Amino acid sequence: MNDLPVYKRGRNKIQEAIEEAEQKKRKNEIKNRISAAKSRARSQEHTRFLEEKVEQLRNENALLKKLLSLVRDLMFLLGKWKLQQLRDSQRKEK
């Protein structure tokens, strides 16, 4: 028959340790990819939130600028009206 010895006791312990280490490395790589993907998704979501907040604040700022302009115009008109009232009352006294 065959002159070569046949080993049926199982794998070599060194080979098993190497395969175990490779399997653990692959498992860690997969976990790392999943973790990185989740991190990117969170980052993108946060960026979207911040962009929406910026847009909201820009709109609010524009509205406040318009309101400020209206208040200034109103104050100017009230000042003119008060000055006119004062002049009218001074004319009536004379």
N, C-alpha and C. Protein backbone atom coordinates (compact mmCIF):
# COMPACT_ATOMS: atom_id res chain seq x y z
N MET A 1 0.81 -1.18 0.00
CA MET A 1 0.00 0.00 0.00
C MET A 1 0.85 1.24 0.00
N ASN A 2 0.32 2.24 0.65
CA ASN A 2 0.99 3.54 0.67
C ASN A 2 2.00 3.55 1.80
N ASP A 3 3.20 4.05 1.51
CA ASP A 3 4.24 4.09 2.52
C ASP A 3 4.13 5.32 3.43
N LEU A 4 3.32 6.30 3.06
CA LEU A 4 3.20 7.53 3.85
C LEU A 4 2.29 7.29 5.05
N PRO A 5 2.67 7.86 6.20
CA PRO A 5 1.83 7.68 7.38
C PRO A 5 0.56 8.53 7.27
N VAL A 6 -0.51 8.03 7.80
CA VAL A 6 -1.79 8.75 7.79
C VAL A 6 -2.07 9.22 9.21
N TYR A 7 -2.29 10.54 9.35
CA TYR A 7 -2.58 11.12 10.67
C TYR A 7 -4.08 11.37 10.76
N LYS A 8 -4.70 10.74 11.71
CA LYS A 8 -6.14 10.90 11.87
C LYS A 8 -6.49 11.55 13.20
N ARG A 9 -5.51 12.05 13.91
CA ARG A 9 -5.77 12.60 15.24
C ARG A 9 -6.34 14.02 15.19
N GLY A 10 -6.44 14.65 14.10
CA GLY A 10 -6.96 16.01 14.02
C GLY A 10 -5.90 16.96 13.51
N ARG A 11 -6.27 18.19 13.48
CA ARG A 11 -5.36 19.20 12.96
C ARG A 11 -4.24 19.47 13.93
N ASN A 12 -3.22 20.00 13.36
CA ASN A 12 -2.07 20.44 14.15
C ASN A 12 -2.51 21.63 15.00
N LYS A 13 -2.15 21.69 16.25
CA LYS A 13 -2.57 22.77 17.16
C LYS A 13 -2.11 24.14 16.68
N ILE A 14 -0.95 24.20 16.08
CA ILE A 14 -0.45 25.49 15.56
C ILE A 14 -1.35 25.96 14.43
N GLN A 15 -1.70 25.03 13.52
CA GLN A 15 -2.58 25.38 12.41
C GLN A 15 -3.94 25.84 12.94
N GLU A 16 -4.45 25.18 13.94
CA GLU A 16 -5.73 25.57 14.54
C GLU A 16 -5.65 26.97 15.15
N ALA A 17 -4.55 27.25 15.82
CA ALA A 17 -4.36 28.57 16.43
C ALA A 17 -4.30 29.65 15.36
N ILE A 18 -3.62 29.35 14.25
CA ILE A 18 -3.52 30.31 13.15
C ILE A 18 -4.90 30.57 12.56
N GLU A 19 -5.64 29.51 12.32
CA GLU A 19 -6.99 29.67 11.75
C GLU A 19 -7.91 30.42 12.71
N GLU A 20 -7.78 30.12 13.98
CA GLU A 20 -8.58 30.83 14.98
C GLU A 20 -8.27 32.33 14.98
N ALA A 21 -6.98 32.65 14.90
CA ALA A 21 -6.56 34.06 14.88
C ALA A 21 -7.07 34.75 13.62
N GLU A 22 -7.01 34.05 12.47
CA GLU A 22 -7.51 34.63 11.22
C GLU A 22 -9.02 34.85 11.29
N GLN A 23 -9.72 33.88 11.86
CA GLN A 23 -11.17 34.01 12.00
C GLN A 23 -11.52 35.18 12.92
N LYS A 24 -10.80 35.31 14.00
CA LYS A 24 -11.03 36.42 14.93
C LYS A 24 -10.75 37.75 14.24
N LYS A 25 -9.68 37.78 13.42
CA LYS A 25 -9.34 39.01 12.69
C LYS A 25 -10.44 39.37 11.71
N ARG A 26 -10.96 38.39 10.96
CA ARG A 26 -12.05 38.65 10.02
C ARG A 26 -13.30 39.15 10.75
N LYS A 27 -13.59 38.52 11.89
CA LYS A 27 -14.75 38.93 12.68
C LYS A 27 -14.59 40.38 13.15
N ASN A 28 -13.40 40.73 13.62
CA ASN A 28 -13.14 42.11 14.06
C ASN A 28 -13.23 43.09 12.90
N GLU A 29 -12.74 42.68 11.72
CA GLU A 29 -12.83 43.56 10.55
C GLU A 29 -14.28 43.84 10.19
N ILE A 30 -15.11 42.79 10.24
CA ILE A 30 -16.54 42.96 9.93
C ILE A 30 -17.20 43.87 10.97
N LYS A 31 -16.91 43.63 12.24
CA LYS A 31 -17.48 44.49 13.28
C LYS A 31 -17.03 45.94 13.11
N ASN A 32 -15.77 46.11 12.73
CA ASN A 32 -15.24 47.46 12.53
C ASN A 32 -15.92 48.15 11.35
N ARG A 33 -16.16 47.40 10.26
CA ARG A 33 -16.85 47.99 9.10
C ARG A 33 -18.27 48.42 9.48
N ILE A 34 -18.94 47.57 10.24
CA ILE A 34 -20.30 47.91 10.68
C ILE A 34 -20.28 49.14 11.58
N SER A 35 -19.35 49.17 12.49
CA SER A 35 -19.22 50.32 13.39
C SER A 35 -18.90 51.60 12.62
N ALA A 36 -18.01 51.49 11.64
CA ALA A 36 -17.66 52.67 10.83
C ALA A 36 -18.86 53.15 10.02
N ALA A 37 -19.64 52.21 9.48
CA ALA A 37 -20.83 52.59 8.71
C ALA A 37 -21.84 53.30 9.61
N LYS A 38 -22.03 52.77 10.82
CA LYS A 38 -22.95 53.43 11.76
C LYS A 38 -22.46 54.82 12.13
N SER A 39 -21.15 54.95 12.32
CA SER A 39 -20.57 56.25 12.66
C SER A 39 -20.78 57.25 11.53
N ARG A 40 -20.56 56.80 10.29
CA ARG A 40 -20.78 57.69 9.14
C ARG A 40 -22.24 58.10 9.05
N ALA A 41 -23.14 57.16 9.30
CA ALA A 41 -24.58 57.47 9.25
C ALA A 41 -24.95 58.49 10.31
N ARG A 42 -24.42 58.31 11.53
CA ARG A 42 -24.69 59.29 12.60
C ARG A 42 -24.14 60.66 12.22
N SER A 43 -22.96 60.67 11.65
CA SER A 43 -22.33 61.93 11.25
C SER A 43 -23.15 62.63 10.17
N GLN A 44 -23.63 61.86 9.19
CA GLN A 44 -24.46 62.45 8.14
C GLN A 44 -25.77 62.98 8.71
N GLU A 45 -26.37 62.24 9.62
CA GLU A 45 -27.61 62.69 10.25
C GLU A 45 -27.39 63.98 11.03
N HIS A 46 -26.29 64.04 11.75
CA HIS A 46 -25.97 65.25 12.51
C HIS A 46 -25.74 66.43 11.57
N THR A 47 -25.05 66.17 10.46
CA THR A 47 -24.81 67.23 9.47
C THR A 47 -26.14 67.73 8.90
N ARG A 48 -27.05 66.80 8.58
CA ARG A 48 -28.38 67.21 8.08
C ARG A 48 -29.11 68.04 9.12
N PHE A 49 -29.05 67.62 10.37
CA PHE A 49 -29.70 68.38 11.45
C PHE A 49 -29.14 69.79 11.52
N LEU A 50 -27.81 69.90 11.47
CA LEU A 50 -27.18 71.22 11.57
C LEU A 50 -27.53 72.09 10.36
N GLU A 51 -27.57 71.50 9.16
CA GLU A 51 -27.94 72.26 7.97
C GLU A 51 -29.37 72.78 8.08
N GLU A 52 -30.27 71.94 8.58
CA GLU A 52 -31.66 72.38 8.78
C GLU A 52 -31.73 73.50 9.81
N LYS A 53 -30.95 73.38 10.87
CA LYS A 53 -30.93 74.41 11.92
C LYS A 53 -30.40 75.73 11.35
N VAL A 54 -29.35 75.65 10.53
CA VAL A 54 -28.80 76.87 9.91
C VAL A 54 -29.87 77.54 9.05
N GLU A 55 -30.58 76.75 8.25
CA GLU A 55 -31.63 77.31 7.40
C GLU A 55 -32.73 77.96 8.25
N GLN A 56 -33.12 77.28 9.31
CA GLN A 56 -34.14 77.82 10.21
C GLN A 56 -33.68 79.14 10.82
N LEU A 57 -32.44 79.19 11.28
CA LEU A 57 -31.93 80.41 11.91
C LEU A 57 -31.77 81.54 10.89
N ARG A 58 -31.40 81.20 9.67
CA ARG A 58 -31.32 82.24 8.62
C ARG A 58 -32.69 82.84 8.36
N ASN A 59 -33.70 81.98 8.27
CA ASN A 59 -35.06 82.48 8.05
C ASN A 59 -35.53 83.34 9.22
N GLU A 60 -35.24 82.88 10.42
CA GLU A 60 -35.62 83.65 11.61
C GLU A 60 -34.89 84.99 11.64
N ASN A 61 -33.62 84.99 11.27
CA ASN A 61 -32.84 86.23 11.25
C ASN A 61 -33.41 87.21 10.23
N ALA A 62 -33.77 86.71 9.05
CA ALA A 62 -34.35 87.58 8.02
C ALA A 62 -35.66 88.18 8.52
N LEU A 63 -36.48 87.37 9.17
CA LEU A 63 -37.74 87.86 9.71
C LEU A 63 -37.51 88.93 10.78
N LEU A 64 -36.54 88.69 11.65
CA LEU A 64 -36.24 89.67 12.70
C LEU A 64 -35.71 90.98 12.11
N LYS A 65 -34.93 90.89 11.04
CA LYS A 65 -34.44 92.11 10.39
C LYS A 65 -35.59 92.92 9.81
N LYS A 66 -36.57 92.23 9.21
CA LYS A 66 -37.74 92.92 8.67
C LYS A 66 -38.53 93.57 9.80
N LEU A 67 -38.70 92.83 10.89
CA LEU A 67 -39.43 93.36 12.04
C LEU A 67 -38.72 94.58 12.62
N LEU A 68 -37.41 94.52 12.73
CA LEU A 68 -36.63 95.66 13.23
C LEU A 68 -36.81 96.87 12.33
N SER A 69 -36.79 96.64 11.03
CA SER A 69 -36.98 97.74 10.08
C SER A 69 -38.37 98.37 10.26
N LEU A 70 -39.38 97.54 10.44
CA LEU A 70 -40.74 98.06 10.65
C LEU A 70 -40.83 98.86 11.95
N VAL A 71 -40.22 98.37 13.00
CA VAL A 71 -40.24 99.08 14.29
C VAL A 71 -39.53 100.42 14.17
N ARG A 72 -38.41 100.44 13.47
CA ARG A 72 -37.69 101.71 13.28
C ARG A 72 -38.54 102.71 12.49
N ASP A 73 -39.19 102.20 11.43
CA ASP A 73 -40.07 103.08 10.65
C ASP A 73 -41.21 103.62 11.52
N LEU A 74 -41.77 102.75 12.34
CA LEU A 74 -42.86 103.17 13.23
C LEU A 74 -42.38 104.21 14.23
N MET A 75 -41.20 104.00 14.80
CA MET A 75 -40.65 104.97 15.75
C MET A 75 -40.41 106.32 15.06
N PHE A 76 -39.93 106.28 13.84
CA PHE A 76 -39.70 107.51 13.09
C PHE A 76 -41.02 108.25 12.87
N LEU A 77 -42.05 107.50 12.46
CA LEU A 77 -43.35 108.12 12.22
C LEU A 77 -43.96 108.66 13.51
N LEU A 78 -43.82 107.91 14.60
CA LEU A 78 -44.33 108.40 15.88
C LEU A 78 -43.58 109.66 16.33
N GLY A 79 -42.29 109.69 16.08
CA GLY A 79 -41.50 110.88 16.42
C GLY A 79 -41.98 112.09 15.63
N LYS A 80 -42.22 111.88 14.33
CA LYS A 80 -42.73 112.98 13.49
C LYS A 80 -44.11 113.42 13.98
N TRP A 81 -44.96 112.46 14.30
CA TRP A 81 -46.31 112.78 14.77
C TRP A 81 -46.25 113.56 16.08
N LYS A 82 -45.39 113.13 17.01
CA LYS A 82 -45.27 113.80 18.30
C LYS A 82 -44.74 115.23 18.10
N LEU A 83 -43.77 115.39 17.22
CA LEU A 83 -43.23 116.72 16.93
C LEU A 83 -44.33 117.62 16.36
N GLN A 84 -45.13 117.04 15.47
CA GLN A 84 -46.23 117.82 14.88
C GLN A 84 -47.25 118.21 15.96
N GLN A 85 -47.54 117.30 16.88
CA GLN A 85 -48.46 117.59 17.98
C GLN A 85 -47.92 118.73 18.84
N LEU A 86 -46.63 118.69 19.12
CA LEU A 86 -46.00 119.73 19.92
C LEU A 86 -46.10 121.08 19.22
N ARG A 87 -45.81 121.11 17.94
CA ARG A 87 -45.89 122.37 17.18
C ARG A 87 -47.33 122.90 17.16
N ASP A 88 -48.27 121.98 16.96
CA ASP A 88 -49.68 122.40 16.93
C ASP A 88 -50.11 122.99 18.27
N SER A 89 -49.68 122.39 19.37
CA SER A 89 -50.07 122.89 20.69
C SER A 89 -49.41 124.24 20.96
N GLN A 90 -48.18 124.45 20.46
CA GLN A 90 -47.51 125.73 20.65
C GLN A 90 -48.21 126.82 19.85
N ARG A 91 -48.72 126.50 18.67
CA ARG A 91 -49.42 127.49 17.85
C ARG A 91 -50.74 127.89 18.50
N LYS A 92 -51.38 126.92 19.12
CA LYS A 92 -52.67 127.20 19.76
C LYS A 92 -52.50 128.11 20.97
N GLU A 93 -51.35 128.01 21.65
CA GLU A 93 -51.10 128.82 22.83
C GLU A 93 -50.86 130.28 22.45
N LYS A 94 -50.45 130.55 21.27
CA LYS A 94 -50.13 131.93 20.88
C LYS A 94 -51.30 132.71 20.46
